PDB file of N, CA and C in Angstrom:
ATOM      1  N   MET A   1      -7.496  38.010  38.121  1.00  0.00           N
ATOM      2  CA  MET A   1      -7.949  37.290  39.236  1.00  0.00           C
ATOM      3  C   MET A   1      -7.169  37.653  40.512  1.00  0.00           C
ATOM      4  N   PHE A   2      -7.492  38.744  41.091  1.00  0.00           N
ATOM      5  CA  PHE A   2      -6.688  39.225  42.265  1.00  0.00           C
ATOM      6  C   PHE A   2      -7.435  39.134  43.597  1.00  0.00           C
ATOM      7  N   GLY A   3      -8.718  38.789  43.555  1.00  0.00           N
ATOM      8  CA  GLY A   3      -9.524  38.719  44.750  1.00  0.00           C
ATOM      9  C   GLY A   3      -9.394  37.414  45.457  1.00  0.00           C
ATOM     10  N   LYS A   4     -10.348  37.144  46.311  1.00  0.00           N
ATOM     11  CA  LYS A   4     -10.333  35.845  46.945  1.00  0.00           C
ATOM     12  C   LYS A   4     -10.699  34.760  46.035  1.00  0.00           C
ATOM     13  N   THR A   5     -10.061  33.583  46.161  1.00  0.00           N
ATOM     14  CA  THR A   5     -10.265  32.473  45.243  1.00  0.00           C
ATOM     15  C   THR A   5     -10.840  31.296  45.978  1.00  0.00           C
ATOM     16  N   ALA A   6     -11.414  30.350  45.206  1.00  0.00           N
ATOM     17  CA  ALA A   6     -12.011  29.167  45.768  1.00  0.00           C
ATOM     18  C   ALA A   6     -11.518  27.937  44.921  1.00  0.00           C
ATOM     19  N   LEU A   7     -11.135  26.868  45.578  1.00  0.00           N
ATOM     20  CA  LEU A   7     -10.764  25.676  44.826  1.00  0.00           C
ATOM     21  C   LEU A   7     -11.951  24.951  44.339  1.00  0.00           C
ATOM     22  N   VAL A   8     -12.002  24.658  43.039  1.00  0.00           N
ATOM     23  CA  VAL A   8     -13.176  24.043  42.449  1.00  0.00           C
ATOM     24  C   VAL A   8     -12.806  22.675  41.844  1.00  0.00           C
ATOM     25  N   TYR A   9     -11.522  22.370  41.701  1.00  0.00           N
ATOM     26  CA  TYR A   9     -11.134  21.151  41.107  1.00  0.00           C
ATOM     27  C   TYR A   9      -9.804  20.659  41.641  1.00  0.00           C
ATOM     28  N   GLN A  10      -9.802  19.348  41.960  1.00  0.00           N
ATOM     29  CA  GLN A  10      -8.500  18.693  42.546  1.00  0.00           C
ATOM     30  C   GLN A  10      -8.532  17.328  42.168  1.00  0.00           C
ATOM     31  N   SER A  11      -7.504  16.795  41.436  1.00  0.00           N
ATOM     32  CA  SER A  11      -7.482  15.386  40.960  1.00  0.00           C
ATOM     33  C   SER A  11      -6.070  15.036  40.743  1.00  0.00           C
ATOM     34  N   LYS A  12      -5.912  13.662  40.482  1.00  0.00           N
ATOM     35  CA  LYS A  12      -4.587  13.133  40.070  1.00  0.00           C
ATOM     36  C   LYS A  12      -4.579  12.756  38.688  1.00  0.00           C
ATOM     37  N   LYS A  13      -5.651  13.059  37.940  1.00  0.00           N
ATOM     38  CA  LYS A  13      -5.767  12.623  36.515  1.00  0.00           C
ATOM     39  C   LYS A  13      -5.566  13.870  35.610  1.00  0.00           C
ATOM     40  N   LYS A  14      -4.449  13.856  34.849  1.00  0.00           N
ATOM     41  CA  LYS A  14      -4.134  14.992  34.069  1.00  0.00           C
ATOM     42  C   LYS A  14      -5.132  15.253  32.868  1.00  0.00           C
ATOM     43  N   ASP A  15      -5.589  14.101  32.248  1.00  0.00           N
ATOM     44  CA  ASP A  15      -6.491  14.341  31.044  1.00  0.00           C
ATOM     45  C   ASP A  15      -7.820  14.948  31.578  1.00  0.00           C
ATOM     46  N   ASP A  16      -8.265  14.567  32.685  1.00  0.00           N
ATOM     47  CA  ASP A  16      -9.490  15.153  33.281  1.00  0.00           C
ATOM     48  C   ASP A  16      -9.286  16.592  33.642  1.00  0.00           C
ATOM     49  N   TRP A  17      -8.095  16.969  34.160  1.00  0.00           N
ATOM     50  CA  TRP A  17      -7.708  18.360  34.423  1.00  0.00           C
ATOM     51  C   TRP A  17      -7.748  19.194  33.267  1.00  0.00           C
ATOM     52  N   ASP A  18      -7.194  18.645  32.122  1.00  0.00           N
ATOM     53  CA  ASP A  18      -7.149  19.438  30.851  1.00  0.00           C
ATOM     54  C   ASP A  18      -8.596  19.635  30.397  1.00  0.00           C
ATOM     55  N   LYS A  19      -9.492  18.652  30.536  1.00  0.00           N
ATOM     56  CA  LYS A  19     -10.892  18.776  30.196  1.00  0.00           C
ATOM     57  C   LYS A  19     -11.578  19.801  31.031  1.00  0.00           C
ATOM     58  N   ALA A  20     -11.327  19.802  32.286  1.00  0.00           N
ATOM     59  CA  ALA A  20     -11.898  20.834  33.197  1.00  0.00           C
ATOM     60  C   ALA A  20     -11.455  22.224  32.769  1.00  0.00           C
ATOM     61  N   GLN A  21     -10.257  22.452  32.421  1.00  0.00           N
ATOM     62  CA  GLN A  21      -9.685  23.719  32.028  1.00  0.00           C
ATOM     63  C   GLN A  21     -10.415  24.233  30.758  1.00  0.00           C
ATOM     64  N   LYS A  22     -10.594  23.252  29.799  1.00  0.00           N
ATOM     65  CA  LYS A  22     -11.255  23.584  28.551  1.00  0.00           C
ATOM     66  C   LYS A  22     -12.703  24.028  28.778  1.00  0.00           C
ATOM     67  N   LEU A  23     -13.380  23.282  29.653  1.00  0.00           N
ATOM     68  CA  LEU A  23     -14.805  23.635  29.951  1.00  0.00           C
ATOM     69  C   LEU A  23     -14.828  25.039  30.542  1.00  0.00           C
ATOM     70  N   LEU A  24     -14.020  25.347  31.438  1.00  0.00           N
ATOM     71  CA  LEU A  24     -14.065  26.711  32.072  1.00  0.00           C
ATOM     72  C   LEU A  24     -13.683  27.751  31.034  1.00  0.00           C
ATOM     73  N   ALA A  25     -12.673  27.475  30.223  1.00  0.00           N
ATOM     74  CA  ALA A  25     -12.305  28.489  29.229  1.00  0.00           C
ATOM     75  C   ALA A  25     -13.381  28.745  28.209  1.00  0.00           C
ATOM     76  N   ASP A  26     -14.101  27.689  27.815  1.00  0.00           N
ATOM     77  CA  ASP A  26     -15.222  27.840  26.828  1.00  0.00           C
ATOM     78  C   ASP A  26     -16.332  28.636  27.432  1.00  0.00           C
ATOM     79  N   ALA A  27     -16.466  28.544  28.783  1.00  0.00           N
ATOM     80  CA  ALA A  27     -17.609  29.256  29.408  1.00  0.00           C
ATOM     81  C   ALA A  27     -17.239  30.737  29.704  1.00  0.00           C
ATOM     82  N   GLY A  28     -15.924  31.031  29.511  1.00  0.00           N
ATOM     83  CA  GLY A  28     -15.462  32.370  29.751  1.00  0.00           C
ATOM     84  C   GLY A  28     -15.108  32.660  31.255  1.00  0.00           C
ATOM     85  N   ILE A  29     -14.863  31.679  32.004  1.00  0.00           N
ATOM     86  CA  ILE A  29     -14.538  31.844  33.416  1.00  0.00           C
ATOM     87  C   ILE A  29     -13.105  31.837  33.578  1.00  0.00           C
ATOM     88  N   GLU A  30     -12.575  32.896  34.168  1.00  0.00           N
ATOM     89  CA  GLU A  30     -11.166  32.976  34.542  1.00  0.00           C
ATOM     90  C   GLU A  30     -10.772  32.035  35.580  1.00  0.00           C
ATOM     91  N   TYR A  31      -9.712  31.350  35.427  1.00  0.00           N
ATOM     92  CA  TYR A  31      -9.258  30.357  36.434  1.00  0.00           C
ATOM     93  C   TYR A  31      -7.724  30.343  36.575  1.00  0.00           C
ATOM     94  N   ASN A  32      -7.254  29.759  37.608  1.00  0.00           N
ATOM     95  CA  ASN A  32      -5.858  29.621  37.841  1.00  0.00           C
ATOM     96  C   ASN A  32      -5.687  28.071  38.055  1.00  0.00           C
ATOM     97  N   ALA A  33      -4.832  27.455  37.143  1.00  0.00           N
ATOM     98  CA  ALA A  33      -4.607  26.007  37.197  1.00  0.00           C
ATOM     99  C   ALA A  33      -3.111  25.777  37.461  1.00  0.00           C
ATOM    100  N   TRP A  34      -2.860  24.747  38.311  1.00  0.00           N
ATOM    101  CA  TRP A  34      -1.465  24.413  38.553  1.00  0.00           C
ATOM    102  C   TRP A  34      -1.406  22.974  39.086  1.00  0.00           C
ATOM    103  N   LYS A  35      -0.234  22.429  39.135  1.00  0.00           N
ATOM    104  CA  LYS A  35      -0.014  21.135  39.691  1.00  0.00           C
ATOM    105  C   LYS A  35       1.072  21.174  40.744  1.00  0.00           C
ATOM    106  N   VAL A  36       0.879  20.422  41.821  1.00  0.00           N
ATOM    107  CA  VAL A  36       1.822  20.353  42.855  1.00  0.00           C
ATOM    108  C   VAL A  36       2.148  18.896  43.048  1.00  0.00           C
ATOM    109  N   GLU A  37       3.318  18.614  43.645  1.00  0.00           N
ATOM    110  CA  GLU A  37       3.660  17.249  43.932  1.00  0.00           C
ATOM    111  C   GLU A  37       3.341  16.912  45.361  1.00  0.00           C
ATOM    112  N   GLU A  38       2.639  15.824  45.508  1.00  0.00           N
ATOM    113  CA  GLU A  38       2.305  15.387  46.825  1.00  0.00           C
ATOM    114  C   GLU A  38       3.534  15.019  47.669  1.00  0.00           C
ATOM    115  N   PRO A  39       3.638  15.496  48.879  1.00  0.00           N
ATOM    116  CA  PRO A  39       4.835  15.204  49.640  1.00  0.00           C
ATOM    117  C   PRO A  39       4.972  13.691  49.931  1.00  0.00           C
ATOM    118  N   PRO A  40       6.149  13.189  50.012  1.00  0.00           N
ATOM    119  CA  PRO A  40       6.307  11.765  50.378  1.00  0.00           C
ATOM    120  C   PRO A  40       5.795  11.481  51.861  1.00  0.00           C
ATOM    121  N   ILE A  41       5.427  10.300  52.045  1.00  0.00           N
ATOM    122  CA  ILE A  41       4.841   9.828  53.300  1.00  0.00           C
ATOM    123  C   ILE A  41       5.909   9.663  54.338  1.00  0.00           C
ATOM    124  N   ALA A  42       7.193   9.517  53.927  1.00  0.00           N
ATOM    125  CA  ALA A  42       8.266   9.157  54.814  1.00  0.00           C
ATOM    126  C   ALA A  42       8.641  10.194  55.888  1.00  0.00           C
ATOM    127  N   GLY A  43       8.236  11.393  55.755  1.00  0.00           N
ATOM    128  CA  GLY A  43       8.487  12.459  56.825  1.00  0.00           C
ATOM    129  C   GLY A  43       9.252  13.571  56.360  1.00  0.00           C
ATOM    130  N   CYS A  44       9.510  14.485  57.209  1.00  0.00           N
ATOM    131  CA  CYS A  44      10.212  15.702  56.977  1.00  0.00           C
ATOM    132  C   CYS A  44      11.703  15.522  56.604  1.00  0.00           C
ATOM    133  N   GLY A  45      12.078  16.036  55.479  1.00  0.00           N
ATOM    134  CA  GLY A  45      13.463  15.922  55.102  1.00  0.00           C
ATOM    135  C   GLY A  45      13.921  14.655  54.454  1.00  0.00           C
ATOM    136  N   SER A  46      12.979  13.684  54.368  1.00  0.00           N
ATOM    137  CA  SER A  46      13.283  12.379  53.801  1.00  0.00           C
ATOM    138  C   SER A  46      13.517  12.501  52.269  1.00  0.00           C
ATOM    139  N   LYS A  47      14.605  11.822  51.777  1.00  0.00           N
ATOM    140  CA  LYS A  47      14.824  11.799  50.360  1.00  0.00           C
ATOM    141  C   LYS A  47      14.339  10.573  49.778  1.00  0.00           C
ATOM    142  N   ILE A  48      13.785   9.625  50.558  1.00  0.00           N
ATOM    143  CA  ILE A  48      13.308   8.395  50.023  1.00  0.00           C
ATOM    144  C   ILE A  48      11.831   8.426  49.892  1.00  0.00           C
ATOM    145  N   ASP A  49      11.248   8.095  48.736  1.00  0.00           N
ATOM    146  CA  ASP A  49       9.865   8.083  48.574  1.00  0.00           C
ATOM    147  C   ASP A  49       9.380   6.671  48.550  1.00  0.00           C
ATOM    148  N   PRO A  50       8.654   6.257  49.611  1.00  0.00           N
ATOM    149  CA  PRO A  50       8.300   4.839  49.785  1.00  0.00           C
ATOM    150  C   PRO A  50       7.312   4.394  48.689  1.00  0.00           C
ATOM    151  N   ARG A  51       6.649   5.356  47.972  1.00  0.00           N
ATOM    152  CA  ARG A  51       5.750   4.859  46.889  1.00  0.00           C
ATOM    153  C   ARG A  51       6.522   4.193  45.734  1.00  0.00           C
ATOM    154  N   LYS A  52       7.753   4.434  45.621  1.00  0.00           N
ATOM    155  CA  LYS A  52       8.555   3.872  44.545  1.00  0.00           C
ATOM    156  C   LYS A  52       8.915   2.438  44.722  1.00  0.00           C
ATOM    157  N   PHE A  53       9.115   2.009  45.975  1.00  0.00           N
ATOM    158  CA  PHE A  53       9.514   0.630  46.235  1.00  0.00           C
ATOM    159  C   PHE A  53       8.516  -0.158  47.008  1.00  0.00           C
ATOM    160  N   MET A  54       7.472   0.411  47.443  1.00  0.00           N
ATOM    161  CA  MET A  54       6.421  -0.337  48.174  1.00  0.00           C
ATOM    162  C   MET A  54       5.368  -0.989  47.278  1.00  0.00           C
ATOM    163  N   ARG A  55       5.273  -0.429  46.020  1.00  0.00           N
ATOM    164  CA  ARG A  55       4.271  -0.870  45.145  1.00  0.00           C
ATOM    165  C   ARG A  55       4.925  -1.235  43.793  1.00  0.00           C
ATOM    166  N   LYS A  56       4.322  -2.158  43.096  1.00  0.00           N
ATOM    167  CA  LYS A  56       4.777  -2.559  41.749  1.00  0.00           C
ATOM    168  C   LYS A  56       4.375  -1.505  40.654  1.00  0.00           C
ATOM    169  N   VAL A  57       3.292  -0.859  40.970  1.00  0.00           N
ATOM    170  CA  VAL A  57       2.718   0.128  40.007  1.00  0.00           C
ATOM    171  C   VAL A  57       3.091   1.504  40.545  1.00  0.00           C
ATOM    172  N   GLU A  58       3.542   2.400  39.660  1.00  0.00           N
ATOM    173  CA  GLU A  58       3.863   3.740  40.011  1.00  0.00           C
ATOM    174  C   GLU A  58       2.639   4.545  40.366  1.00  0.00           C
ATOM    175  N   VAL A  59       2.647   5.121  41.537  1.00  0.00           N
ATOM    176  CA  VAL A  59       1.514   5.943  42.032  1.00  0.00           C
ATOM    177  C   VAL A  59       1.676   7.372  41.582  1.00  0.00           C
ATOM    178  N   PRO A  60       0.741   8.054  40.927  1.00  0.00           N
ATOM    179  CA  PRO A  60       0.922   9.398  40.508  1.00  0.00           C
ATOM    180  C   PRO A  60       1.183  10.305  41.699  1.00  0.00           C
ATOM    181  N   LYS A  61       2.182  11.172  41.564  1.00  0.00           N
ATOM    182  CA  LYS A  61       2.558  12.110  42.670  1.00  0.00           C
ATOM    183  C   LYS A  61       1.938  13.487  42.560  1.00  0.00           C
ATOM    184  N   GLU A  62       1.565  13.846  41.269  1.00  0.00           N
ATOM    185  CA  GLU A  62       1.051  15.193  41.023  1.00  0.00           C
ATOM    186  C   GLU A  62      -0.378  15.256  41.400  1.00  0.00           C
ATOM    187  N   ILE A  63      -0.706  16.424  41.947  1.00  0.00           N
ATOM    188  CA  ILE A  63      -2.124  16.733  42.225  1.00  0.00           C
ATOM    189  C   ILE A  63      -2.490  18.019  41.440  1.00  0.00           C
ATOM    190  N   TYR A  64      -3.463  17.907  40.577  1.00  0.00           N
ATOM    191  CA  TYR A  64      -3.809  18.920  39.617  1.00  0.00           C
ATOM    192  C   TYR A  64      -4.953  19.766  40.282  1.00  0.00           C
ATOM    193  N   ARG A  65      -4.817  21.077  40.278  1.00  0.00           N
ATOM    194  CA  ARG A  65      -5.842  21.856  40.905  1.00  0.00           C
ATOM    195  C   ARG A  65      -6.298  23.011  40.030  1.00  0.00           C
ATOM    196  N   ILE A  66      -7.470  23.487  40.286  1.00  0.00           N
ATOM    197  CA  ILE A  66      -8.027  24.660  39.551  1.00  0.00           C
ATOM    198  C   ILE A  66      -8.794  25.530  40.610  1.00  0.00           C
ATOM    199  N   GLU A  67      -8.523  26.850  40.574  1.00  0.00           N
ATOM    200  CA  GLU A  67      -9.257  27.715  41.460  1.00  0.00           C
ATOM    201  C   GLU A  67      -9.864  28.871  40.612  1.00  0.00           C
ATOM    202  N   VAL A  68     -10.995  29.406  41.053  1.00  0.00           N
ATOM    203  CA  VAL A  68     -11.623  30.565  40.459  1.00  0.00           C
ATOM    204  C   VAL A  68     -11.950  31.574  41.493  1.00  0.00           C
ATOM    205  N   ASP A  69     -12.338  32.803  41.005  1.00  0.00           N
ATOM    206  CA  ASP A  69     -12.802  33.757  41.937  1.00  0.00           C
ATOM    207  C   ASP A  69     -13.988  33.249  42.781  1.00  0.00           C
ATOM    208  N   LYS A  70     -14.077  33.670  44.032  1.00  0.00           N
ATOM    209  CA  LYS A  70     -15.218  33.203  44.850  1.00  0.00           C
ATOM    210  C   LYS A  70     -16.519  33.550  44.225  1.00  0.00           C
ATOM    211  N   ASP A  71     -16.587  34.708  43.563  1.00  0.00           N
ATOM    212  CA  ASP A  71     -17.900  35.031  42.865  1.00  0.00           C
ATOM    213  C   ASP A  71     -18.333  34.112  41.810  1.00  0.00           C
ATOM    214  N   ASN A  72     -17.331  33.505  41.120  1.00  0.00           N
ATOM    215  CA  ASN A  72     -17.641  32.523  40.088  1.00  0.00           C
ATOM    216  C   ASN A  72     -17.699  31.057  40.503  1.00  0.00           C
ATOM    217  N   ARG A  73     -17.534  30.800  41.805  1.00  0.00           N
ATOM    218  CA  ARG A  73     -17.451  29.386  42.218  1.00  0.00           C
ATOM    219  C   ARG A  73     -18.701  28.604  41.851  1.00  0.00           C
ATOM    220  N   SER A  74     -19.860  29.099  42.134  1.00  0.00           N
ATOM    221  CA  SER A  74     -21.086  28.306  41.867  1.00  0.00           C
ATOM    222  C   SER A  74     -21.230  28.105  40.393  1.00  0.00           C
ATOM    223  N   ASN A  75     -20.920  29.063  39.534  1.00  0.00           N
ATOM    224  CA  ASN A  75     -20.956  28.827  38.082  1.00  0.00           C
ATOM    225  C   ASN A  75     -20.023  27.816  37.603  1.00  0.00           C
ATOM    226  N   ALA A  76     -18.783  27.904  38.187  1.00  0.00           N
ATOM    227  CA  ALA A  76     -17.781  26.889  37.757  1.00  0.00           C
ATOM    228  C   ALA A  76     -18.094  25.481  38.193  1.00  0.00           C
ATOM    229  N   GLU A  77     -18.658  25.261  39.392  1.00  0.00           N
ATOM    230  CA  GLU A  77     -19.038  24.038  39.894  1.00  0.00           C
ATOM    231  C   GLU A  77     -20.257  23.447  38.999  1.00  0.00           C
ATOM    232  N   LYS A  78     -21.086  24.271  38.627  1.00  0.00           N
ATOM    233  CA  LYS A  78     -22.187  23.801  37.731  1.00  0.00           C
ATOM    234  C   LYS A  78     -21.673  23.364  36.412  1.00  0.00           C
ATOM    235  N   ILE A  79     -20.734  24.028  35.823  1.00  0.00           N
ATOM    236  CA  ILE A  79     -20.111  23.636  34.566  1.00  0.00           C
ATOM    237  C   ILE A  79     -19.353  22.334  34.684  1.00  0.00           C
ATOM    238  N   LEU A  80     -18.588  22.180  35.790  1.00  0.00           N
ATOM    239  CA  LEU A  80     -17.799  20.995  35.928  1.00  0.00           C
ATOM    240  C   LEU A  80     -18.616  19.742  36.366  1.00  0.00           C
ATOM    241  N   GLN A  81     -19.695  19.992  37.006  1.00  0.00           N
ATOM    242  CA  GLN A  81     -20.478  18.885  37.567  1.00  0.00           C
ATOM    243  C   GLN A  81     -21.027  18.034  36.496  1.00  0.00           C
ATOM    244  N   GLY A  82     -20.648  16.726  36.557  1.00  0.00           N
ATOM    245  CA  GLY A  82     -21.187  15.753  35.613  1.00  0.00           C
ATOM    246  C   GLY A  82     -20.277  15.652  34.290  1.00  0.00           C
ATOM    247  N   ASN A  83     -19.411  16.653  34.118  1.00  0.00           N
ATOM    248  CA  ASN A  83     -18.518  16.646  32.985  1.00  0.00           C
ATOM    249  C   ASN A  83     -17.106  16.103  33.266  1.00  0.00           C
ATOM    250  N   VAL A  84     -16.724  16.233  34.442  1.00  0.00           N
ATOM    251  CA  VAL A  84     -15.428  15.799  34.887  1.00  0.00           C
ATOM    252  C   VAL A  84     -15.565  14.883  36.154  1.00  0.00           C
ATOM    253  N   LEU A  85     -14.495  14.310  36.619  1.00  0.00           N
ATOM    254  CA  LEU A  85     -14.556  13.434  37.810  1.00  0.00           C
ATOM    255  C   LEU A  85     -15.041  14.232  38.955  1.00  0.00           C
ATOM    256  N   PRO A  86     -15.745  13.630  39.947  1.00  0.00           N
ATOM    257  CA  PRO A  86     -16.186  14.362  41.125  1.00  0.00           C
ATOM    258  C   PRO A  86     -14.958  14.787  41.915  1.00  0.00           C
ATOM    259  N   VAL A  87     -15.000  16.001  42.487  1.00  0.00           N
ATOM    260  CA  VAL A  87     -13.898  16.516  43.193  1.00  0.00           C
ATOM    261  C   VAL A  87     -14.108  16.195  44.684  1.00  0.00           C
ATOM    262  N   ILE A  88     -13.040  15.638  45.226  1.00  0.00           N
ATOM    263  CA  ILE A  88     -13.151  15.256  46.660  1.00  0.00           C
ATOM    264  C   ILE A  88     -12.378  16.432  47.390  1.00  0.00           C
ATOM    265  N   SER A  89     -13.056  17.057  48.344  1.00  0.00           N
ATOM    266  CA  SER A  89     -12.372  18.109  48.989  1.00  0.00           C
ATOM    267  C   SER A  89     -11.640  17.562  50.243  1.00  0.00           C
ATOM    268  N   TYR A  90     -10.410  18.097  50.447  1.00  0.00           N
ATOM    269  CA  TYR A  90      -9.629  17.697  51.530  1.00  0.00           C
ATOM    270  C   TYR A  90      -9.538  18.761  52.614  1.00  0.00           C
ATOM    271  N   GLY A  91     -10.683  19.389  52.836  1.00  0.00           N
ATOM    272  CA  GLY A  91     -10.749  20.436  53.840  1.00  0.00           C
ATOM    273  C   GLY A  91     -10.171  21.767  53.355  1.00  0.00           C
ATOM    274  N   LEU A  92     -10.098  21.932  52.090  1.00  0.00           N
ATOM    275  CA  LEU A  92      -9.555  23.198  51.472  1.00  0.00           C
ATOM    276  C   LEU A  92     -10.645  24.195  51.210  1.00  0.00           C
TER     277      LEU A  92
END
């Protein structure tokens, strides 16, 4: 997968992310999956994460993403549609 890629999945739920990866693998679609940590809201260079003391429940910080080749985007979206949580795009 060295060409242009398109984001087809983004969520904070790991079990759903694993399910999406399995669906794409079973369909034979190559994908790149990774997780990133959402930056804290406190600002640049801040070592304090306000999510830890502002709420009684721990808020997940990881964002799980999957991208595929642009040529396979429509196929991947059809496979994921209705089988995993709806993907909300953040302008990506």
